[in-house]
Amino acid sequence: MKTELKHINISYQANSQKEYSIPLSYQLFGKDLFSAPIVLVNHALTGNSNVSGEKGWWKQLIGENQVIDTNKYTVLCFNIPGNGYDDFLIDEYEDFTTADIANIFLKGLEILNIKSLYTIIGGSLGGGIGWEMLVKKTDLAEIFIPIACDFKTHDWLHAQCLVQKFLLNGNDKPLQKARIHAMLCYRTPQSLNDRFQNKYNQEKQSLESEDWLVYHGNALNERFSLKSYKLMNHLLMNINTEETQLEKIKARMHMISVDTDLFFPASEIRMCFEKLTKKKENVFYHEIKSIHGHDAFLMEYKQLNNIIKNIL
């Protein structure tokens, strides 16, 4: 598989009117470009372009003989500029919105001479970028699969991202603290309670759940920069696809929610689905059942694979 990191140099004027030179990086997996249907994968907040292979963060979904089979498809994934995976960082992160990232991805496709896609799939923030892309180019893809996300950031999610912003602007271990708070939003009370059951670690003199949260905070701090996390949180805070334009999207849509999601509640995604079915054909709704909340799209692979297998 072609897994090396490649770059496209893009000159871009953000919605803030500032000019940027962006080294948009990407990876390709599976069949050679233009020899097979192209699946564009938009990564989530802490993800990157490395979606398949030994260290691929979505390898349970994408790979040889997986549901998104790299023997059958060309899989393309861009890095969100500033996520740090390619060492490119953005200082003035508030210059960018999710709509800007969608524009940059569209420019990347244009430079690669990709005029159409078989499928766009993305979880959480990645799905939000997909919504923005398809409103801007309504005939871009045959199939759109937004997972655990909606077309906009609703008030509850905006509030959680605001807390993240406050924590990230602090002086004492900002990234670790923000990650601990985020984990409590990615999971559910039942998920943590069932897993840890108030077990106490005598050696560390702390609850095992506390140790787990501290571990995740420290682990993210080791592999993610503060600048990158501030940007990604800002983007999640600013998904704002124009609702009146959704019905113009030509792709067959398959919205996938998680019944216990605290970030993008299933009720909001169902509401979007119900509105769209009155105005557009080929709109479908699927729901993952899980105690794990938002992170179920990275955990409940049997359910997710079954859903996507039937879609593709």
Protein backbone atom coordinates (compact mmCIF):
# COMPACT_ATOMS: atom_id res chain seq x y z
CA MET A 1 0.00 0.00 0.00
CA LYS A 2 1.10 3.55 -0.71
CA THR A 3 1.39 4.99 2.74
CA GLU A 4 4.07 7.69 2.44
CA LEU A 5 3.12 11.21 3.46
CA LYS A 6 2.73 13.48 0.43
CA HIS A 7 2.27 17.25 0.22
CA ILE A 8 0.41 19.79 -1.90
CA ASN A 9 1.34 23.47 -1.59
CA ILE A 10 -1.75 25.64 -1.44
CA SER A 11 -2.12 29.41 -1.28
CA TYR A 12 -5.30 30.15 0.64
CA GLN A 13 -7.14 33.21 1.86
CA ALA A 14 -9.03 32.28 5.01
CA ASN A 15 -12.47 33.65 5.82
CA SER A 16 -10.57 36.02 8.11
CA GLN A 17 -9.10 37.49 4.87
CA LYS A 18 -5.55 36.53 5.88
CA GLU A 19 -3.32 34.82 3.31
CA TYR A 20 -1.71 31.50 4.15
CA SER A 21 0.71 29.17 2.41
CA ILE A 22 -0.39 25.69 3.43
CA PRO A 23 1.54 22.44 2.84
CA LEU A 24 -1.54 20.20 2.71
CA SER A 25 -0.40 16.66 3.49
CA TYR A 26 -2.15 13.42 2.66
CA GLN A 27 -1.77 9.66 2.41
CA LEU A 28 -3.10 7.16 -0.10
CA PHE A 29 -3.92 3.53 0.66
CA GLY A 30 -4.98 0.67 -1.57
CA LYS A 31 -5.37 0.87 -5.33
CA ASP A 32 -3.50 3.39 -7.47
CA LEU A 33 -5.22 6.73 -7.88
CA PHE A 34 -7.76 6.70 -10.76
CA SER A 35 -7.66 2.90 -11.01
CA ALA A 36 -10.52 2.32 -8.55
CA PRO A 37 -13.36 4.13 -6.78
CA ILE A 38 -11.99 6.78 -4.40
CA VAL A 39 -13.02 6.88 -0.73
CA LEU A 40 -12.13 10.13 1.05
CA VAL A 41 -11.74 9.71 4.81
CA ASN A 42 -11.92 12.87 6.95
CA HIS A 43 -10.22 12.28 10.28
CA ALA A 44 -11.52 13.20 13.73
CA LEU A 45 -10.10 15.66 16.29
CA THR A 46 -7.08 13.67 17.45
CA GLY A 47 -6.78 11.63 14.25
CA ASN A 48 -4.56 12.05 11.20
CA SER A 49 -4.05 10.78 7.66
CA ASN A 50 -2.71 7.40 8.82
CA VAL A 51 -6.03 5.55 8.69
CA SER A 52 -4.87 2.08 7.65
CA GLY A 53 -2.01 -0.36 8.08
CA GLU A 54 -0.21 -1.49 11.22
CA LYS A 55 -0.51 1.84 13.03
CA GLY A 56 -3.67 3.04 11.30
CA TRP A 57 -6.18 4.49 13.77
CA TRP A 58 -9.11 3.13 11.71
CA LYS A 59 -7.46 -0.13 10.66
CA GLN A 60 -10.42 -2.16 11.96
CA LEU A 61 -12.49 -0.47 9.25
CA ILE A 62 -10.00 0.23 6.42
CA GLY A 63 -7.52 -2.27 5.00
CA GLU A 64 -7.10 -5.44 3.01
CA ASN A 65 -10.32 -7.48 3.20
CA GLN A 66 -11.84 -4.97 5.65
CA VAL A 67 -15.24 -3.38 5.00
CA ILE A 68 -13.48 -0.50 3.22
CA ASP A 69 -11.28 -2.89 1.28
CA THR A 70 -7.97 -1.50 0.03
CA ASN A 71 -7.97 -4.29 -2.56
CA LYS A 72 -11.06 -2.66 -4.05
CA TYR A 73 -10.81 1.08 -3.31
CA THR A 74 -8.34 3.94 -3.35
CA VAL A 75 -8.48 5.49 0.13
CA LEU A 76 -7.40 9.12 0.48
CA CYS A 77 -7.03 11.03 3.73
CA PHE A 78 -5.86 14.64 4.12
CA ASN A 79 -4.42 15.96 7.36
CA ILE A 80 -6.35 18.89 8.71
CA PRO A 81 -3.75 21.68 8.32
CA GLY A 82 -2.33 22.47 11.73
CA ASN A 83 -3.04 19.09 13.31
CA GLY A 84 0.72 18.69 13.69
CA TYR A 85 1.05 15.23 12.15
CA ASP A 86 3.14 16.73 9.34
CA ASP A 87 4.87 19.23 11.69
CA PHE A 88 2.89 22.16 10.23
CA LEU A 89 1.31 24.33 12.92
CA ILE A 90 -0.96 27.37 12.78
CA ASP A 91 -0.36 30.14 15.31
CA GLU A 92 -3.51 32.20 14.65
CA TYR A 93 -5.90 29.27 14.78
CA GLU A 94 -9.00 31.45 15.09
CA ASP A 95 -8.41 32.63 11.51
CA PHE A 96 -9.86 29.28 10.39
CA THR A 97 -13.30 27.70 10.55
CA THR A 98 -14.45 24.25 9.52
CA ALA A 99 -15.64 25.82 6.25
CA ASP A 100 -12.04 26.88 5.57
CA ILE A 101 -10.81 23.32 6.05
CA ALA A 102 -13.49 22.13 3.61
CA ASN A 103 -12.29 24.71 1.06
CA ILE A 104 -8.69 23.58 1.51
CA PHE A 105 -9.62 19.92 1.05
CA LEU A 106 -11.57 20.84 -2.11
CA LYS A 107 -8.52 22.69 -3.43
CA GLY A 108 -6.44 19.61 -2.67
CA LEU A 109 -8.80 17.42 -4.69
CA GLU A 110 -8.70 19.91 -7.55
CA ILE A 111 -4.89 19.91 -7.63
CA LEU A 112 -4.89 16.11 -7.58
CA ASN A 113 -7.32 16.30 -10.53
CA ILE A 114 -9.97 14.36 -8.59
CA LYS A 115 -13.31 15.55 -9.93
CA SER A 116 -15.55 13.10 -8.09
CA LEU A 117 -15.46 10.65 -5.20
CA TYR A 118 -17.24 7.39 -4.59
CA THR A 119 -17.64 8.04 -0.88
CA ILE A 120 -16.86 10.65 1.75
CA ILE A 121 -16.77 9.20 5.26
CA GLY A 122 -15.85 10.98 8.47
CA GLY A 123 -16.36 10.67 12.18
CA SER A 124 -17.10 13.59 14.50
CA LEU A 125 -15.19 16.67 13.26
CA GLY A 126 -14.31 14.80 10.07
CA GLY A 127 -17.98 14.32 9.28
CA GLY A 128 -18.61 18.01 9.93
CA ILE A 129 -15.97 18.86 7.33
CA GLY A 130 -17.72 16.47 4.95
CA TRP A 131 -21.01 18.34 5.34
CA GLU A 132 -19.24 21.62 4.53
CA MET A 133 -17.51 20.12 1.47
CA LEU A 134 -20.72 18.76 -0.01
CA VAL A 135 -22.64 21.99 0.41
CA LYS A 136 -19.85 23.76 -1.50
CA LYS A 137 -19.69 21.08 -4.23
CA THR A 138 -23.01 19.28 -4.21
CA ASP A 139 -22.11 16.63 -6.81
CA LEU A 140 -18.72 15.71 -5.35
CA ALA A 141 -19.57 12.24 -4.01
CA GLU A 142 -21.96 9.37 -4.70
CA ILE A 143 -22.24 8.44 -1.01
CA PHE A 144 -21.80 10.46 2.18
CA ILE A 145 -21.38 8.73 5.55
CA PRO A 146 -21.18 11.18 8.48
CA ILE A 147 -20.61 9.26 11.72
CA ALA A 148 -21.32 10.61 15.22
CA CYS A 149 -21.65 14.16 13.93
CA ASP A 150 -24.15 16.70 12.69
CA PHE A 151 -24.05 19.49 10.12
CA LYS A 152 -23.46 22.08 12.82
CA THR A 153 -22.16 22.59 16.33
CA HIS A 154 -25.20 22.77 18.60
CA ASP A 155 -25.29 24.66 21.90
CA TRP A 156 -24.32 21.73 24.14
CA LEU A 157 -21.22 20.86 22.12
CA HIS A 158 -20.27 24.53 21.82
CA ALA A 159 -20.46 24.81 25.61
CA GLN A 160 -18.18 21.79 26.11
CA CYS A 161 -15.69 23.19 23.60
CA LEU A 162 -15.82 26.51 25.45
CA VAL A 163 -14.79 24.73 28.66
CA GLN A 164 -11.98 23.10 26.65
CA LYS A 165 -10.90 26.55 25.43
CA PHE A 166 -10.77 27.89 29.00
CA LEU A 167 -8.66 24.90 30.12
CA LEU A 168 -6.33 25.15 27.11
CA ASN A 169 -5.65 28.82 27.88
CA GLY A 170 -4.56 28.00 31.44
CA ASN A 171 -0.98 27.80 32.63
CA ASP A 172 -0.91 24.55 34.61
CA LYS A 173 -0.93 21.41 32.42
CA PRO A 174 -3.55 22.84 30.03
CA LEU A 175 -3.58 20.02 27.49
CA GLN A 176 -3.76 17.27 30.10
CA LYS A 177 -6.65 18.98 31.91
CA ALA A 178 -8.53 19.61 28.68
CA ARG A 179 -8.13 15.97 27.64
CA ILE A 180 -9.43 14.70 30.98
CA HIS A 181 -12.52 16.87 30.59
CA ALA A 182 -12.94 15.73 26.98
CA MET A 183 -12.79 12.05 27.92
CA LEU A 184 -15.78 12.59 30.21
CA CYS A 185 -17.70 13.88 27.18
CA TYR A 186 -16.49 11.18 24.79
CA ARG A 187 -17.68 8.46 27.17
CA THR A 188 -20.74 8.09 29.41
CA PRO A 189 -21.32 7.59 33.15
CA GLN A 190 -22.36 3.98 32.51
CA SER A 191 -19.21 3.34 30.45
CA LEU A 192 -16.89 4.49 33.24
CA ASN A 193 -18.92 2.99 36.08
CA ASP A 194 -19.19 -0.42 34.42
CA ARG A 195 -15.49 -0.49 33.60
CA PHE A 196 -13.99 0.66 36.90
CA GLN A 197 -16.66 -0.11 39.55
CA ASN A 198 -14.98 2.15 42.11
CA LYS A 199 -11.87 -0.03 42.19
CA TYR A 200 -9.07 1.54 44.21
CA ASN A 201 -5.36 1.21 43.45
CA GLN A 202 -3.63 0.92 46.83
CA GLU A 203 -0.18 1.40 45.36
CA LYS A 204 -1.08 4.68 43.63
CA GLN A 205 -3.56 5.71 46.33
CA SER A 206 -6.18 6.64 43.76
CA LEU A 207 -9.25 5.31 41.99
CA GLU A 208 -8.47 3.31 38.86
CA SER A 209 -10.80 5.63 36.94
CA GLU A 210 -8.73 8.62 38.03
CA ASP A 211 -5.54 6.86 36.96
CA TRP A 212 -7.11 6.11 33.56
CA LEU A 213 -8.05 9.77 33.04
CA VAL A 214 -4.60 11.02 34.05
CA TYR A 215 -3.03 8.47 31.69
CA HIS A 216 -5.09 9.76 28.75
CA GLY A 217 -4.24 13.35 29.61
CA ASN A 218 -0.51 12.61 29.73
CA ALA A 219 -0.59 10.39 26.63
CA LEU A 220 -2.16 13.10 24.50
CA ASN A 221 0.31 15.67 25.82
CA GLU A 222 3.16 13.45 24.59
CA ARG A 223 1.87 13.11 21.02
CA PHE A 224 -0.09 16.32 20.46
CA SER A 225 0.93 19.97 20.65
CA LEU A 226 -1.04 22.63 22.50
CA LYS A 227 -1.33 24.71 19.31
CA SER A 228 -2.79 21.76 17.42
CA TYR A 229 -5.31 20.94 20.11
CA LYS A 230 -6.46 24.56 20.35
CA LEU A 231 -7.04 24.61 16.60
CA MET A 232 -8.93 21.31 16.52
CA ASN A 233 -11.13 22.31 19.45
CA HIS A 234 -11.84 25.63 17.71
CA LEU A 235 -12.87 23.81 14.53
CA LEU A 236 -15.18 21.47 16.45
CA MET A 237 -16.69 24.58 18.02
CA ASN A 238 -17.39 26.11 14.60
CA ILE A 239 -19.10 23.57 12.36
CA ASN A 240 -21.75 25.72 10.74
CA THR A 241 -23.01 24.26 7.47
CA GLU A 242 -25.92 26.25 6.04
CA GLU A 243 -29.01 24.15 6.81
CA THR A 244 -31.00 25.48 3.85
CA GLN A 245 -28.33 24.10 1.50
CA LEU A 246 -28.31 20.51 2.77
CA GLU A 247 -31.12 19.36 0.50
CA LYS A 248 -29.04 20.34 -2.56
CA ILE A 249 -26.42 17.70 -1.79
CA LYS A 250 -26.71 15.00 -4.46
CA ALA A 251 -24.96 12.19 -2.59
CA ARG A 252 -26.86 9.31 -1.07
CA MET A 253 -26.62 10.09 2.65
CA HIS A 254 -26.24 7.59 5.46
CA MET A 255 -26.19 9.30 8.86
CA ILE A 256 -24.81 7.14 11.65
CA SER A 257 -25.38 8.17 15.27
CA VAL A 258 -24.58 6.63 18.66
CA ASP A 259 -27.58 6.27 20.94
CA THR A 260 -25.63 7.47 24.03
CA ASP A 261 -23.53 10.19 22.35
CA LEU A 262 -23.15 13.25 24.60
CA PHE A 263 -21.30 15.33 21.99
CA PHE A 264 -23.56 14.87 18.98
CA PRO A 265 -26.80 13.47 20.47
CA ALA A 266 -28.66 10.92 18.38
CA SER A 267 -31.81 13.01 18.79
CA GLU A 268 -30.20 15.94 16.92
CA ILE A 269 -28.99 13.70 14.09
CA ARG A 270 -32.43 12.08 13.82
CA MET A 271 -33.99 15.54 13.64
CA CYS A 272 -31.70 16.44 10.73
CA PHE A 273 -32.57 13.14 9.03
CA GLU A 274 -36.31 13.67 9.46
CA LYS A 275 -36.13 17.19 8.03
CA LEU A 276 -34.10 16.06 5.03
CA THR A 277 -36.34 13.10 4.18
CA LYS A 278 -39.17 15.57 3.55
CA LYS A 279 -37.08 17.39 0.94
CA LYS A 280 -34.68 14.81 -0.46
CA GLU A 281 -34.63 11.18 -1.51
CA ASN A 282 -31.87 8.70 -0.65
CA VAL A 283 -31.38 9.78 2.96
CA PHE A 284 -30.94 7.02 5.54
CA TYR A 285 -30.42 6.82 9.29
CA HIS A 286 -28.49 4.21 11.30
CA GLU A 287 -27.82 4.00 15.03
CA ILE A 288 -25.02 2.30 16.94
CA LYS A 289 -26.16 0.93 20.32
CA SER A 290 -23.46 1.32 22.95
CA ILE A 291 -22.84 2.30 26.55
CA HIS A 292 -19.65 4.10 25.48
CA GLY A 293 -21.07 7.32 24.04
CA HIS A 294 -19.32 9.37 21.35
CA ASP A 295 -16.22 7.15 21.28
CA ALA A 296 -18.34 4.18 20.19
CA PHE A 297 -17.48 4.98 16.57
CA LEU A 298 -13.90 4.03 17.50
CA MET A 299 -14.91 1.02 19.61
CA GLU A 300 -18.05 -0.71 18.30
CA TYR A 301 -16.45 -2.00 15.11
CA LYS A 302 -18.74 -4.99 14.65
CA GLN A 303 -21.79 -2.74 14.48
CA LEU A 304 -20.05 -0.06 12.41
CA ASN A 305 -18.67 -2.58 9.94
CA ASN A 306 -22.08 -4.19 9.48
CA ILE A 307 -23.70 -0.82 8.82
CA ILE A 308 -21.05 0.34 6.34
CA LYS A 309 -20.88 -3.05 4.58
CA ASN A 310 -24.58 -2.73 3.76
CA ILE A 311 -24.10 0.86 2.57
CA LEU A 312 -21.19 0.21 0.21
